[in-house]
PDB file of N, CA and C in Angstrom:
ATOM      1  N   UNK A   1     -35.280 -16.326  41.486  1.00  0.00           N
ATOM      2  CA  UNK A   1     -34.021 -16.591  42.288  1.00  0.00           C
ATOM      3  C   UNK A   1     -32.930 -16.676  41.127  1.00  0.00           C
ATOM      4  N   UNK A   2     -32.291 -15.349  41.807  1.00  0.00           N
ATOM      5  CA  UNK A   2     -30.901 -15.200  41.195  1.00  0.00           C
ATOM      6  C   UNK A   2     -29.705 -15.961  41.902  1.00  0.00           C
ATOM      7  N   UNK A   3     -28.952 -16.452  41.066  1.00  0.00           N
ATOM      8  CA  UNK A   3     -27.379 -16.649  41.713  1.00  0.00           C
ATOM      9  C   UNK A   3     -26.549 -16.166  41.493  1.00  0.00           C
ATOM     10  N   UNK A   4     -26.146 -15.639  42.695  1.00  0.00           N
ATOM     11  CA  UNK A   4     -25.319 -14.355  42.490  1.00  0.00           C
ATOM     12  C   UNK A   4     -23.750 -14.858  42.281  1.00  0.00           C
ATOM     13  N   UNK A   5     -23.309 -16.241  42.630  1.00  0.00           N
ATOM     14  CA  UNK A   5     -21.979 -17.032  42.649  1.00  0.00           C
ATOM     15  C   UNK A   5     -21.955 -17.506  41.004  1.00  0.00           C
ATOM     16  N   UNK A   6     -22.733 -17.196  40.010  1.00  0.00           N
ATOM     17  CA  UNK A   6     -22.775 -17.828  39.185  1.00  0.00           C
ATOM     18  C   UNK A   6     -22.681 -16.352  37.980  1.00  0.00           C
ATOM     19  N   UNK A   7     -23.318 -15.359  38.328  1.00  0.00           N
ATOM     20  CA  UNK A   7     -23.170 -13.977  37.607  1.00  0.00           C
ATOM     21  C   UNK A   7     -21.774 -13.618  37.165  1.00  0.00           C
ATOM     22  N   UNK A   8     -20.889 -13.737  38.004  1.00  0.00           N
ATOM     23  CA  UNK A   8     -19.494 -12.805  38.091  1.00  0.00           C
ATOM     24  C   UNK A   8     -18.681 -14.111  37.166  1.00  0.00           C
ATOM     25  N   UNK A   9     -18.649 -14.946  36.905  1.00  0.00           N
ATOM     26  CA  UNK A   9     -17.247 -16.095  36.055  1.00  0.00           C
ATOM     27  C   UNK A   9     -18.347 -15.298  34.511  1.00  0.00           C
ATOM     28  N   UNK A  10     -19.576 -15.348  34.329  1.00  0.00           N
ATOM     29  CA  UNK A  10     -20.028 -15.440  33.292  1.00  0.00           C
ATOM     30  C   UNK A  10     -19.960 -14.024  32.615  1.00  0.00           C
ATOM     31  N   UNK A  11     -20.073 -12.746  33.457  1.00  0.00           N
ATOM     32  CA  UNK A  11     -19.404 -11.732  33.334  1.00  0.00           C
ATOM     33  C   UNK A  11     -18.142 -10.975  33.210  1.00  0.00           C
ATOM     34  N   UNK A  12     -17.002 -11.670  33.577  1.00  0.00           N
ATOM     35  CA  UNK A  12     -16.214 -11.923  33.276  1.00  0.00           C
ATOM     36  C   UNK A  12     -15.459 -12.403  32.203  1.00  0.00           C
ATOM     37  N   UNK A  13     -16.600 -13.498  31.545  1.00  0.00           N
ATOM     38  CA  UNK A  13     -16.044 -14.354  30.412  1.00  0.00           C
ATOM     39  C   UNK A  13     -16.743 -13.018  29.443  1.00  0.00           C
ATOM     40  N   UNK A  14     -17.797 -12.533  29.654  1.00  0.00           N
ATOM     41  CA  UNK A  14     -18.120 -11.879  28.396  1.00  0.00           C
ATOM     42  C   UNK A  14     -17.330 -10.426  28.463  1.00  0.00           C
ATOM     43  N   UNK A  15     -17.081  -9.781  29.508  1.00  0.00           N
ATOM     44  CA  UNK A  15     -15.927  -8.343  29.398  1.00  0.00           C
ATOM     45  C   UNK A  15     -14.827  -9.623  28.671  1.00  0.00           C
ATOM     46  N   UNK A  16     -14.037 -10.568  29.049  1.00  0.00           N
ATOM     47  CA  UNK A  16     -12.835 -10.741  28.271  1.00  0.00           C
ATOM     48  C   UNK A  16     -13.205 -10.989  26.494  1.00  0.00           C
ATOM     49  N   UNK A  17     -14.581 -11.622  26.312  1.00  0.00           N
ATOM     50  CA  UNK A  17     -14.481 -11.866  25.024  1.00  0.00           C
ATOM     51  C   UNK A  17     -14.509 -10.316  24.279  1.00  0.00           C
ATOM     52  N   UNK A  18     -15.304  -9.224  25.109  1.00  0.00           N
ATOM     53  CA  UNK A  18     -15.391  -8.143  24.196  1.00  0.00           C
ATOM     54  C   UNK A  18     -14.323  -7.235  24.197  1.00  0.00           C
ATOM     55  N   UNK A  19     -13.063  -7.523  24.974  1.00  0.00           N
ATOM     56  CA  UNK A  19     -12.064  -6.844  24.950  1.00  0.00           C
ATOM     57  C   UNK A  19     -11.126  -7.807  23.940  1.00  0.00           C
ATOM     58  N   UNK A  20     -11.055  -8.850  23.804  1.00  0.00           N
ATOM     59  CA  UNK A  20     -10.186  -9.588  22.672  1.00  0.00           C
ATOM     60  C   UNK A  20     -10.621  -9.532  21.332  1.00  0.00           C
ATOM     61  N   UNK A  21     -11.795  -9.070  21.240  1.00  0.00           N
ATOM     62  CA  UNK A  21     -12.608  -8.941  19.564  1.00  0.00           C
ATOM     63  C   UNK A  21     -12.225  -7.286  19.451  1.00  0.00           C
ATOM     64  N   UNK A  22     -12.168  -6.337  20.486  1.00  0.00           N
ATOM     65  CA  UNK A  22     -11.613  -4.658  20.620  1.00  0.00           C
ATOM     66  C   UNK A  22     -10.051  -4.814  19.817  1.00  0.00           C
ATOM     67  N   UNK A  23      -9.537  -5.924  20.842  1.00  0.00           N
ATOM     68  CA  UNK A  23      -8.020  -5.737  20.677  1.00  0.00           C
ATOM     69  C   UNK A  23      -7.490  -6.203  19.043  1.00  0.00           C
ATOM     70  N   UNK A  24      -8.039  -7.415  18.548  1.00  0.00           N
ATOM     71  CA  UNK A  24      -8.234  -7.764  17.358  1.00  0.00           C
ATOM     72  C   UNK A  24      -8.534  -6.888  16.273  1.00  0.00           C
ATOM     73  N   UNK A  25      -9.854  -5.907  16.280  1.00  0.00           N
ATOM     74  CA  UNK A  25      -9.879  -4.833  15.599  1.00  0.00           C
ATOM     75  C   UNK A  25      -8.927  -3.842  15.429  1.00  0.00           C
ATOM     76  N   UNK A  26      -8.560  -3.540  16.898  1.00  0.00           N
ATOM     77  CA  UNK A  26      -7.513  -2.451  16.802  1.00  0.00           C
ATOM     78  C   UNK A  26      -6.180  -3.024  15.834  1.00  0.00           C
ATOM     79  N   UNK A  27      -5.671  -4.017  16.025  1.00  0.00           N
ATOM     80  CA  UNK A  27      -4.674  -4.503  15.699  1.00  0.00           C
ATOM     81  C   UNK A  27      -4.903  -4.902  14.074  1.00  0.00           C
ATOM     82  N   UNK A  28      -6.164  -5.145  13.563  1.00  0.00           N
ATOM     83  CA  UNK A  28      -6.401  -4.872  12.202  1.00  0.00           C
ATOM     84  C   UNK A  28      -6.114  -3.707  11.535  1.00  0.00           C
ATOM     85  N   UNK A  29      -6.875  -2.338  12.508  1.00  0.00           N
ATOM     86  CA  UNK A  29      -6.634  -1.219  11.610  1.00  0.00           C
ATOM     87  C   UNK A  29      -5.100  -0.580  11.879  1.00  0.00           C
ATOM     88  N   UNK A  30      -4.184  -0.990  12.889  1.00  0.00           N
ATOM     89  CA  UNK A  30      -2.933  -0.858  12.919  1.00  0.00           C
ATOM     90  C   UNK A  30      -2.423  -1.136  11.661  1.00  0.00           C
ATOM     91  N   UNK A  31      -2.363  -2.504  11.126  1.00  0.00           N
ATOM     92  CA  UNK A  31      -1.567  -3.138  10.318  1.00  0.00           C
ATOM     93  C   UNK A  31      -2.316  -2.491   9.035  1.00  0.00           C
ATOM     94  N   UNK A  32      -3.625  -1.946   8.883  1.00  0.00           N
ATOM     95  CA  UNK A  32      -3.636  -1.757   7.754  1.00  0.00           C
ATOM     96  C   UNK A  32      -2.909  -0.683   6.675  1.00  0.00           C
ATOM     97  N   UNK A  33      -2.212   0.422   7.422  1.00  0.00           N
ATOM     98  CA  UNK A  33      -1.524   1.134   7.191  1.00  0.00           C
ATOM     99  C   UNK A  33       0.234   0.385   6.659  1.00  0.00           C
ATOM    100  N   UNK A  34       0.086  -0.636   7.384  1.00  0.00           N
ATOM    101  CA  UNK A  34       1.538  -1.416   6.796  1.00  0.00           C
ATOM    102  C   UNK A  34       1.388  -2.219   5.773  1.00  0.00           C
ATOM    103  N   UNK A  35       0.415  -2.370   5.383  1.00  0.00           N
ATOM    104  CA  UNK A  35       0.217  -3.612   4.322  1.00  0.00           C
ATOM    105  C   UNK A  35      -0.114  -2.687   3.067  1.00  0.00           C
ATOM    106  N   UNK A  36      -0.815  -1.324   2.971  1.00  0.00           N
ATOM    107  CA  UNK A  36      -0.362  -0.836   2.329  1.00  0.00           C
ATOM    108  C   UNK A  36       0.617  -0.347   1.466  1.00  0.00           C
ATOM    109  N   UNK A  37       1.798   0.051   2.405  1.00  0.00           N
ATOM    110  CA  UNK A  37       3.175   0.134   2.213  1.00  0.00           C
ATOM    111  C   UNK A  37       4.032  -0.605   1.781  1.00  0.00           C
ATOM    112  N   UNK A  38       3.543  -2.526   2.237  1.00  0.00           N
ATOM    113  CA  UNK A  38       4.075  -3.155   1.899  1.00  0.00           C
ATOM    114  C   UNK A  38       3.973  -3.616  -0.120  1.00  0.00           C
ATOM    115  N   UNK A  39       2.646  -3.560  -0.347  1.00  0.00           N
ATOM    116  CA  UNK A  39       2.209  -3.739  -1.494  1.00  0.00           C
ATOM    117  C   UNK A  39       2.606  -2.525  -2.983  1.00  0.00           C
ATOM    118  N   UNK A  40       3.263  -1.824  -2.105  1.00  0.00           N
ATOM    119  CA  UNK A  40       3.494  -0.705  -3.599  1.00  0.00           C
ATOM    120  C   UNK A  40       4.019  -0.869  -4.509  1.00  0.00           C
ATOM    121  N   UNK A  41       4.833  -1.638  -4.210  1.00  0.00           N
ATOM    122  CA  UNK A  41       6.039  -2.430  -5.288  1.00  0.00           C
ATOM    123  C   UNK A  41       4.976  -3.181  -6.470  1.00  0.00           C
ATOM    124  N   UNK A  42       4.002  -3.876  -6.007  1.00  0.00           N
ATOM    125  CA  UNK A  42       2.967  -5.027  -6.494  1.00  0.00           C
ATOM    126  C   UNK A  42       1.938  -3.773  -7.755  1.00  0.00           C
ATOM    127  N   UNK A  43       1.508  -2.806  -6.510  1.00  0.00           N
ATOM    128  CA  UNK A  43       0.501  -1.585  -7.540  1.00  0.00           C
ATOM    129  C   UNK A  43       1.621  -1.302  -8.741  1.00  0.00           C
ATOM    130  N   UNK A  44       2.763  -1.126  -8.142  1.00  0.00           N
ATOM    131  CA  UNK A  44       3.512   0.164  -9.339  1.00  0.00           C
ATOM    132  C   UNK A  44       3.665  -0.886 -10.423  1.00  0.00           C
ATOM    133  N   UNK A  45       4.363  -1.733 -10.683  1.00  0.00           N
ATOM    134  CA  UNK A  45       4.481  -3.110 -11.557  1.00  0.00           C
ATOM    135  C   UNK A  45       3.287  -3.118 -12.243  1.00  0.00           C
ATOM    136  N   UNK A  46       2.293  -3.496 -11.687  1.00  0.00           N
ATOM    137  CA  UNK A  46       0.540  -3.468 -12.301  1.00  0.00           C
ATOM    138  C   UNK A  46       0.285  -2.312 -13.429  1.00  0.00           C
ATOM    139  N   UNK A  47       0.281  -1.214 -12.745  1.00  0.00           N
ATOM    140  CA  UNK A  47       0.409   0.100 -13.640  1.00  0.00           C
ATOM    141  C   UNK A  47       1.240   0.038 -14.615  1.00  0.00           C
ATOM    142  N   UNK A  48       2.848  -0.263 -14.173  1.00  0.00           N
ATOM    143  CA  UNK A  48       3.536  -0.293 -15.495  1.00  0.00           C
ATOM    144  C   UNK A  48       3.440  -1.283 -16.370  1.00  0.00           C
ATOM    145  N   UNK A  49       2.672  -2.718 -16.138  1.00  0.00           N
ATOM    146  CA  UNK A  49       2.610  -3.314 -17.094  1.00  0.00           C
ATOM    147  C   UNK A  49       1.281  -2.982 -17.717  1.00  0.00           C
ATOM    148  N   UNK A  50       0.335  -2.217 -17.347  1.00  0.00           N
ATOM    149  CA  UNK A  50      -1.022  -1.667 -17.856  1.00  0.00           C
ATOM    150  C   UNK A  50      -0.244  -0.717 -19.347  1.00  0.00           C
ATOM    151  N   UNK A  51       0.484   0.034 -18.765  1.00  0.00           N
ATOM    152  CA  UNK A  51       1.028   0.804 -19.713  1.00  0.00           C
ATOM    153  C   UNK A  51       1.672   0.503 -20.794  1.00  0.00           C
ATOM    154  N   UNK A  52       2.531  -0.685 -20.387  1.00  0.00           N
ATOM    155  CA  UNK A  52       3.310  -1.479 -21.876  1.00  0.00           C
ATOM    156  C   UNK A  52       2.133  -1.893 -22.768  1.00  0.00           C
ATOM    157  N   UNK A  53       1.174  -2.491 -21.899  1.00  0.00           N
ATOM    158  CA  UNK A  53      -0.100  -3.182 -22.759  1.00  0.00           C
ATOM    159  C   UNK A  53      -0.763  -2.125 -23.554  1.00  0.00           C
ATOM    160  N   UNK A  54      -0.972  -0.898 -23.112  1.00  0.00           N
ATOM    161  CA  UNK A  54      -1.857   0.109 -23.659  1.00  0.00           C
ATOM    162  C   UNK A  54      -1.082   0.202 -25.139  1.00  0.00           C
ATOM    163  N   UNK A  55       0.202   0.616 -24.636  1.00  0.00           N
ATOM    164  CA  UNK A  55       1.253   0.804 -25.751  1.00  0.00           C
ATOM    165  C   UNK A  55       1.550   0.009 -27.055  1.00  0.00           C
ATOM    166  N   UNK A  56       1.492  -1.511 -26.556  1.00  0.00           N
ATOM    167  CA  UNK A  56       1.228  -2.436 -27.527  1.00  0.00           C
ATOM    168  C   UNK A  56       0.418  -2.360 -28.135  1.00  0.00           C
ATOM    169  N   UNK A  57      -1.368  -2.483 -27.619  1.00  0.00           N
ATOM    170  CA  UNK A  57      -2.267  -2.295 -28.286  1.00  0.00           C
ATOM    171  C   UNK A  57      -2.443  -1.155 -29.511  1.00  0.00           C
ATOM    172  N   UNK A  58      -2.468  -0.190 -28.473  1.00  0.00           N
ATOM    173  CA  UNK A  58      -2.991   1.259 -29.474  1.00  0.00           C
ATOM    174  C   UNK A  58      -1.718   2.103 -29.881  1.00  0.00           C
ATOM    175  N   UNK A  59      -0.418   1.845 -29.453  1.00  0.00           N
ATOM    176  CA  UNK A  59       0.272   2.361 -29.806  1.00  0.00           C
ATOM    177  C   UNK A  59       1.030   3.892 -29.528  1.00  0.00           C
ATOM    178  N   UNK A  60       0.167   4.450 -28.619  1.00  0.00           N
ATOM    179  CA  UNK A  60       0.060   5.764 -28.447  1.00  0.00           C
ATOM    180  C   UNK A  60       0.977   5.691 -26.546  1.00  0.00           C
ATOM    181  N   UNK A  61       1.858   6.837 -27.004  1.00  0.00           N
ATOM    182  CA  UNK A  61       2.115   6.937 -25.172  1.00  0.00           C
ATOM    183  C   UNK A  61       1.482   8.537 -24.398  1.00  0.00           C
ATOM    184  N   UNK A  62       0.124   8.358 -25.118  1.00  0.00           N
ATOM    185  CA  UNK A  62      -0.262   9.203 -23.999  1.00  0.00           C
ATOM    186  C   UNK A  62      -0.973   8.786 -22.855  1.00  0.00           C
ATOM    187  N   UNK A  63      -0.842   9.922 -22.067  1.00  0.00           N
ATOM    188  CA  UNK A  63      -0.847   9.351 -20.418  1.00  0.00           C
ATOM    189  C   UNK A  63      -0.410   8.527 -19.939  1.00  0.00           C
ATOM    190  N   UNK A  64       1.163   8.285 -20.353  1.00  0.00           N
ATOM    191  CA  UNK A  64       1.991   7.249 -19.621  1.00  0.00           C
ATOM    192  C   UNK A  64       3.104   7.840 -19.499  1.00  0.00           C
ATOM    193  N   UNK A  65       3.703   7.914 -18.352  1.00  0.00           N
ATOM    194  CA  UNK A  65       5.045   8.005 -17.674  1.00  0.00           C
ATOM    195  C   UNK A  65       6.331   8.004 -18.607  1.00  0.00           C
ATOM    196  N   UNK A  66       6.809   8.235 -19.034  1.00  0.00           N
ATOM    197  CA  UNK A  66       7.756   8.291 -20.232  1.00  0.00           C
ATOM    198  C   UNK A  66       9.163   9.241 -19.315  1.00  0.00           C
ATOM    199  N   UNK A  67      10.344   8.459 -19.717  1.00  0.00           N
ATOM    200  CA  UNK A  67      11.829   9.456 -19.162  1.00  0.00           C
ATOM    201  C   UNK A  67      12.588   8.678 -20.454  1.00  0.00           C
ATOM    202  N   UNK A  68      13.978   9.493 -20.102  1.00  0.00           N
ATOM    203  CA  UNK A  68      14.835   9.031 -20.945  1.00  0.00           C
ATOM    204  C   UNK A  68      15.974   8.573 -19.926  1.00  0.00           C
ATOM    205  N   UNK A  69      16.370   6.967 -19.770  1.00  0.00           N
ATOM    206  CA  UNK A  69      17.283   6.774 -18.868  1.00  0.00           C
ATOM    207  C   UNK A  69      18.902   7.117 -19.191  1.00  0.00           C
ATOM    208  N   UNK A  70      19.496   6.566 -18.441  1.00  0.00           N
ATOM    209  CA  UNK A  70      21.148   6.564 -18.386  1.00  0.00           C
ATOM    210  C   UNK A  70      21.452   6.250 -19.832  1.00  0.00           C
ATOM    211  N   UNK A  71      21.224   5.690 -20.666  1.00  0.00           N
ATOM    212  CA  UNK A  71      21.808   5.047 -21.896  1.00  0.00           C
ATOM    213  C   UNK A  71      21.141   5.719 -22.708  1.00  0.00           C
ATOM    214  N   UNK A  72      20.044   7.013 -22.478  1.00  0.00           N
ATOM    215  CA  UNK A  72      19.486   7.495 -23.435  1.00  0.00           C
ATOM    216  C   UNK A  72      18.356   6.631 -24.314  1.00  0.00           C
ATOM    217  N   UNK A  73      18.004   6.098 -23.889  1.00  0.00           N
ATOM    218  CA  UNK A  73      16.763   5.245 -24.232  1.00  0.00           C
ATOM    219  C   UNK A  73      15.235   5.710 -23.354  1.00  0.00           C
ATOM    220  N   UNK A  74      14.546   5.534 -24.346  1.00  0.00           N
ATOM    221  CA  UNK A  74      13.395   6.430 -24.074  1.00  0.00           C
ATOM    222  C   UNK A  74      12.159   4.821 -23.154  1.00  0.00           C
ATOM    223  N   UNK A  75      12.029   5.331 -21.573  1.00  0.00           N
ATOM    224  CA  UNK A  75      11.485   4.268 -21.086  1.00  0.00           C
ATOM    225  C   UNK A  75      10.367   4.606 -20.522  1.00  0.00           C
ATOM    226  N   UNK A  76       9.572   3.363 -20.218  1.00  0.00           N
ATOM    227  CA  UNK A  76       8.431   3.547 -19.051  1.00  0.00           C
ATOM    228  C   UNK A  76       8.829   4.112 -17.582  1.00  0.00           C
ATOM    229  N   UNK A  77       8.331   4.548 -16.832  1.00  0.00           N
ATOM    230  CA  UNK A  77       8.596   4.269 -15.435  1.00  0.00           C
ATOM    231  C   UNK A  77       7.767   4.653 -14.415  1.00  0.00           C
ATOM    232  N   UNK A  78       7.575   4.387 -13.434  1.00  0.00           N
ATOM    233  CA  UNK A  78       6.738   4.486 -11.986  1.00  0.00           C
ATOM    234  C   UNK A  78       8.174   4.498 -10.887  1.00  0.00           C
ATOM    235  N   UNK A  79       7.400   5.618  -9.885  1.00  0.00           N
ATOM    236  CA  UNK A  79       7.834   5.541  -9.032  1.00  0.00           C
ATOM    237  C   UNK A  79       6.897   5.509  -7.697  1.00  0.00           C
ATOM    238  N   UNK A  80       7.322   5.667  -6.709  1.00  0.00           N
ATOM    239  CA  UNK A  80       6.565   5.747  -5.437  1.00  0.00           C
ATOM    240  C   UNK A  80       7.439   7.079  -4.277  1.00  0.00           C
ATOM    241  N   UNK A  81       7.169   7.912  -4.038  1.00  0.00           N
ATOM    242  CA  UNK A  81       7.862   8.853  -3.143  1.00  0.00           C
ATOM    243  C   UNK A  81       6.723   9.275  -2.177  1.00  0.00           C
ATOM    244  N   UNK A  82       7.980   9.149  -0.953  1.00  0.00           N
ATOM    245  CA  UNK A  82       7.603   9.209   0.281  1.00  0.00           C
ATOM    246  C   UNK A  82       7.859  10.704   0.915  1.00  0.00           C
ATOM    247  N   UNK A  83       7.558  11.385   1.452  1.00  0.00           N
ATOM    248  CA  UNK A  83       7.962  12.711   2.397  1.00  0.00           C
ATOM    249  C   UNK A  83       8.581  12.128   3.620  1.00  0.00           C
ATOM    250  N   UNK A  84       9.747  12.609   4.074  1.00  0.00           N
ATOM    251  CA  UNK A  84      10.516  12.405   5.320  1.00  0.00           C
ATOM    252  C   UNK A  84      10.468  13.397   6.012  1.00  0.00           C
ATOM    253  N   UNK A  85       9.948  13.676   7.330  1.00  0.00           N
ATOM    254  CA  UNK A  85      10.076  14.850   8.147  1.00  0.00           C
ATOM    255  C   UNK A  85       8.901  15.178   8.758  1.00  0.00           C
ATOM    256  N   UNK A  86       9.026  16.528   9.115  1.00  0.00           N
ATOM    257  CA  UNK A  86       7.942  17.190   9.747  1.00  0.00           C
ATOM    258  C   UNK A  86       7.108  18.159   8.585  1.00  0.00           C
ATOM    259  N   UNK A  87       5.713  18.447   8.360  1.00  0.00           N
ATOM    260  CA  UNK A  87       5.005  19.215   8.024  1.00  0.00           C
ATOM    261  C   UNK A  87       6.146  19.707   6.538  1.00  0.00           C
ATOM    262  N   UNK A  88       6.178  21.110   6.560  1.00  0.00           N
ATOM    263  CA  UNK A  88       6.705  21.706   5.773  1.00  0.00           C
ATOM    264  C   UNK A  88       8.499  21.782   5.522  1.00  0.00           C
ATOM    265  N   UNK A  89       9.113  21.295   6.417  1.00  0.00           N
ATOM    266  CA  UNK A  89      10.643  20.663   6.691  1.00  0.00           C
ATOM    267  C   UNK A  89      11.150  19.570   6.208  1.00  0.00           C
ATOM    268  N   UNK A  90      10.062  18.698   5.422  1.00  0.00           N
ATOM    269  CA  UNK A  90      10.453  17.329   4.912  1.00  0.00           C
ATOM    270  C   UNK A  90      11.366  17.370   3.774  1.00  0.00           C
ATOM    271  N   UNK A  91      11.812  15.903   3.357  1.00  0.00           N
ATOM    272  CA  UNK A  91      12.159  16.155   2.211  1.00  0.00           C
ATOM    273  C   UNK A  91      11.388  14.708   1.729  1.00  0.00           C
ATOM    274  N   UNK A  92      11.386  14.736  -0.036  1.00  0.00           N
ATOM    275  CA  UNK A  92      10.690  14.016  -0.559  1.00  0.00           C
ATOM    276  C   UNK A  92      11.974  12.923  -0.789  1.00  0.00           C
ATOM    277  N   UNK A  93      11.913  11.750  -0.516  1.00  0.00           N
ATOM    278  CA  UNK A  93      12.591  10.384  -1.186  1.00  0.00           C
ATOM    279  C   UNK A  93      11.994   9.189  -1.697  1.00  0.00           C
ATOM    280  N   UNK A  94      12.649   9.102  -3.097  1.00  0.00           N
ATOM    281  CA  UNK A  94      11.973   7.522  -3.757  1.00  0.00           C
ATOM    282  C   UNK A  94      12.211   6.473  -3.099  1.00  0.00           C
ATOM    283  N   UNK A  95      11.079   5.764  -2.598  1.00  0.00           N
ATOM    284  CA  UNK A  95      11.262   4.797  -2.409  1.00  0.00           C
ATOM    285  C   UNK A  95      11.044   3.418  -2.750  1.00  0.00           C
ATOM    286  N   UNK A  96      10.372   3.512  -3.903  1.00  0.00           N
ATOM    287  CA  UNK A  96      10.323   1.990  -4.951  1.00  0.00           C
ATOM    288  C   UNK A  96      10.023   3.279  -6.352  1.00  0.00           C
ATOM    289  N   UNK A  97      11.087   2.565  -7.199  1.00  0.00           N
ATOM    290  CA  UNK A  97      11.171   2.988  -8.361  1.00  0.00           C
ATOM    291  C   UNK A  97      11.571   1.995  -9.559  1.00  0.00           C
ATOM    292  N   UNK A  98      10.561   1.797 -10.543  1.00  0.00           N
ATOM    293  CA  UNK A  98      10.900   1.202 -11.780  1.00  0.00           C
ATOM    294  C   UNK A  98      10.355   1.117 -13.228  1.00  0.00           C
ATOM    295  N   UNK A  99      11.144   0.601 -13.843  1.00  0.00           N
ATOM    296  CA  UNK A  99      11.348   1.126 -15.624  1.00  0.00           C
ATOM    297  C   UNK A  99      11.642   0.371 -16.064  1.00  0.00           C
ATOM    298  N   UNK A 100      10.980   0.224 -17.762  1.00  0.00           N
ATOM    299  CA  UNK A 100      10.493  -0.690 -18.303  1.00  0.00           C
ATOM    300  C   UNK A 100      10.899  -0.366 -19.851  1.00  0.00           C
ATOM    301  N   UNK A 101      12.083  -0.640 -20.822  1.00  0.00           N
ATOM    302  CA  UNK A 101      12.007  -0.268 -22.076  1.00  0.00           C
ATOM    303  C   UNK A 101      10.466  -0.311 -22.845  1.00  0.00           C
ATOM    304  N   UNK A 102      10.565   0.832 -23.713  1.00  0.00           N
ATOM    305  CA  UNK A 102       9.596   0.757 -24.679  1.00  0.00           C
ATOM    306  C   UNK A 102       9.701  -0.196 -25.685  1.00  0.00           C
ATOM    307  N   UNK A 103       9.286  -1.134 -26.166  1.00  0.00           N
ATOM    308  CA  UNK A 103       8.991  -2.269 -26.982  1.00  0.00           C
ATOM    309  C   UNK A 103       9.003  -1.518 -28.133  1.00  0.00           C
ATOM    310  N   UNK A 104       9.730  -2.080 -29.388  1.00  0.00           N
ATOM    311  CA  UNK A 104      10.100  -1.545 -30.923  1.00  0.00           C
ATOM    312  C   UNK A 104       9.214  -2.520 -31.176  1.00  0.00           C
TER     313      UNK A 104
END
């Protein structure tokens, strides 16, 4: 014998739990892109520190991003650019930039 009165609340409960889990997964996927953009500064700082440590240990600038700053000093630098606009009509803009003087 099946009790029809108890089937409806259990069905609603199961559907509700499935919907809540689905919304949680969707929100995690949406926030994944925001987190990547939020930690770009930390990533570039670690990359720059790696370049500085590599220079201190090995003494070579091979594979490093270097440039001359406004004062004419040679510095390590890292920057993150983002394309603003649509397809081919967009302009690149620097979102985050960091530089460190080359230790002597």
